[in-house]
Amino acid sequence: MTRIANPQRGEAELRIGDKSFILRPSFENLVAAEEELGSLFALVERAAEGGLTLREVSSLLWHCVESDSRPPKDVMADAIMAMGLIKATKPVRAILAQVLQGGS
């Protein structure tokens, strides 16, 4: 069964090649991202100032992919480069909005 992203749960979709990944900013995923990237609040501030790095974008998205379907980090990084930061920004915004606003 193919699952689609549920924006009401803070989920977003990320397409890499012909495969679609659900990004879910669960508590566990965000804690893991924070362990690697530092404070998510500081990350939100850098994003608001246009200061996110490519590594931060790639890592945040990677940590939010459901672990059972998560591609290797280098595949994620290559996909972000291929799609460009503008396209990668949409799911990043959805994740950061979930961090700030919370949700069900």
Protein backbone atom coordinates (compact mmCIF):
# COMPACT_ATOMS: atom_id res chain seq x y z
CA MET A 1 0.00 0.00 0.00
CA THR A 2 1.35 3.40 -0.96
CA ARG A 3 1.11 6.04 1.73
CA ILE A 4 0.74 9.72 0.96
CA ALA A 5 1.95 12.55 3.15
CA ASN A 6 -0.59 13.85 5.65
CA PRO A 7 0.01 17.60 6.14
CA GLN A 8 -2.26 17.53 9.22
CA ARG A 9 0.40 15.36 10.89
CA GLY A 10 3.20 17.65 9.72
CA GLU A 11 4.23 15.23 7.00
CA ALA A 12 5.62 16.23 3.63
CA GLU A 13 6.67 14.32 0.55
CA LEU A 14 10.14 14.19 -0.97
CA ARG A 15 10.60 12.74 -4.41
CA ILE A 16 13.99 11.23 -5.27
CA GLY A 17 14.07 9.94 -8.81
CA ASP A 18 11.03 7.74 -9.27
CA LYS A 19 10.61 7.06 -5.55
CA SER A 20 8.55 9.09 -3.11
CA PHE A 21 9.50 9.36 0.57
CA ILE A 22 7.28 10.49 3.44
CA LEU A 23 8.96 13.04 5.70
CA ARG A 24 7.59 12.80 9.21
CA PRO A 25 8.95 15.16 11.85
CA SER A 26 8.31 12.81 14.76
CA PHE A 27 9.81 13.54 18.15
CA GLU A 28 12.39 10.78 17.66
CA ASN A 29 13.35 12.00 14.18
CA LEU A 30 13.70 15.60 15.34
CA VAL A 31 15.77 14.62 18.38
CA ALA A 32 18.13 12.69 16.11
CA ALA A 33 18.36 15.68 13.76
CA GLU A 34 19.02 17.98 16.71
CA GLU A 35 21.81 15.71 17.97
CA GLU A 36 23.54 16.11 14.61
CA LEU A 37 22.65 19.72 13.76
CA GLY A 38 22.32 21.41 17.13
CA SER A 39 19.32 23.36 18.38
CA LEU A 40 16.30 23.21 16.10
CA PHE A 41 15.29 26.65 17.31
CA ALA A 42 18.63 28.01 16.07
CA LEU A 43 18.07 26.11 12.82
CA VAL A 44 14.70 27.83 12.41
CA GLU A 45 16.36 31.21 13.03
CA ARG A 46 19.04 30.50 10.41
CA ALA A 47 16.35 29.41 7.97
CA ALA A 48 14.43 32.65 8.53
CA GLU A 49 17.61 34.58 7.75
CA GLY A 50 18.36 32.49 4.65
CA GLY A 51 21.36 30.95 6.37
CA LEU A 52 20.71 27.20 6.15
CA THR A 53 23.56 25.20 4.72
CA LEU A 54 23.22 22.44 2.17
CA ARG A 55 24.39 19.96 4.82
CA GLU A 56 21.68 21.13 7.23
CA VAL A 57 18.94 20.85 4.60
CA SER A 58 20.08 17.39 3.55
CA SER A 59 20.51 16.14 7.12
CA LEU A 60 17.15 17.48 8.34
CA LEU A 61 15.33 15.86 5.43
CA TRP A 62 17.24 12.59 5.88
CA HIS A 63 16.39 12.35 9.57
CA CYS A 64 12.69 12.93 8.84
CA VAL A 65 12.37 10.11 6.29
CA GLU A 66 10.73 7.10 7.89
CA SER A 67 13.59 4.87 9.03
CA ASP A 68 12.31 1.73 7.29
CA SER A 69 12.62 3.42 3.88
CA ARG A 70 15.45 5.89 4.55
CA PRO A 71 18.03 6.03 1.74
CA PRO A 72 21.74 6.33 2.54
CA LYS A 73 22.84 9.88 3.45
CA ASP A 74 24.95 10.26 0.33
CA VAL A 75 21.95 9.36 -1.86
CA MET A 76 19.90 12.02 -0.07
CA ALA A 77 22.66 14.61 -0.50
CA ASP A 78 23.00 13.82 -4.21
CA ALA A 79 19.21 14.05 -4.64
CA ILE A 80 19.13 17.47 -2.93
CA MET A 81 21.87 18.67 -5.28
CA ALA A 82 20.02 17.29 -8.30
CA MET A 83 16.69 18.91 -7.35
CA GLY A 84 18.20 22.18 -6.18
CA LEU A 85 17.69 24.06 -2.96
CA ILE A 86 14.56 25.87 -4.11
CA LYS A 87 12.70 22.59 -4.60
CA ALA A 88 14.15 21.11 -1.39
CA THR A 89 13.01 24.16 0.57
CA LYS A 90 9.32 23.23 0.38
CA PRO A 91 9.56 20.11 2.58
CA VAL A 92 12.07 21.88 4.85
CA ARG A 93 9.51 24.65 5.43
CA ALA A 94 6.85 22.06 6.26
CA ILE A 95 9.13 20.40 8.81
CA LEU A 96 10.18 23.67 10.41
CA ALA A 97 6.56 24.84 10.57
CA GLN A 98 5.72 21.62 12.42
CA VAL A 99 8.61 22.27 14.84
CA LEU A 100 7.32 25.78 15.58
CA GLN A 101 3.58 25.17 15.58
CA GLY A 102 3.31 21.60 16.76
CA GLY A 103 0.40 19.51 15.67
CA SER A 104 -1.56 16.37 16.24
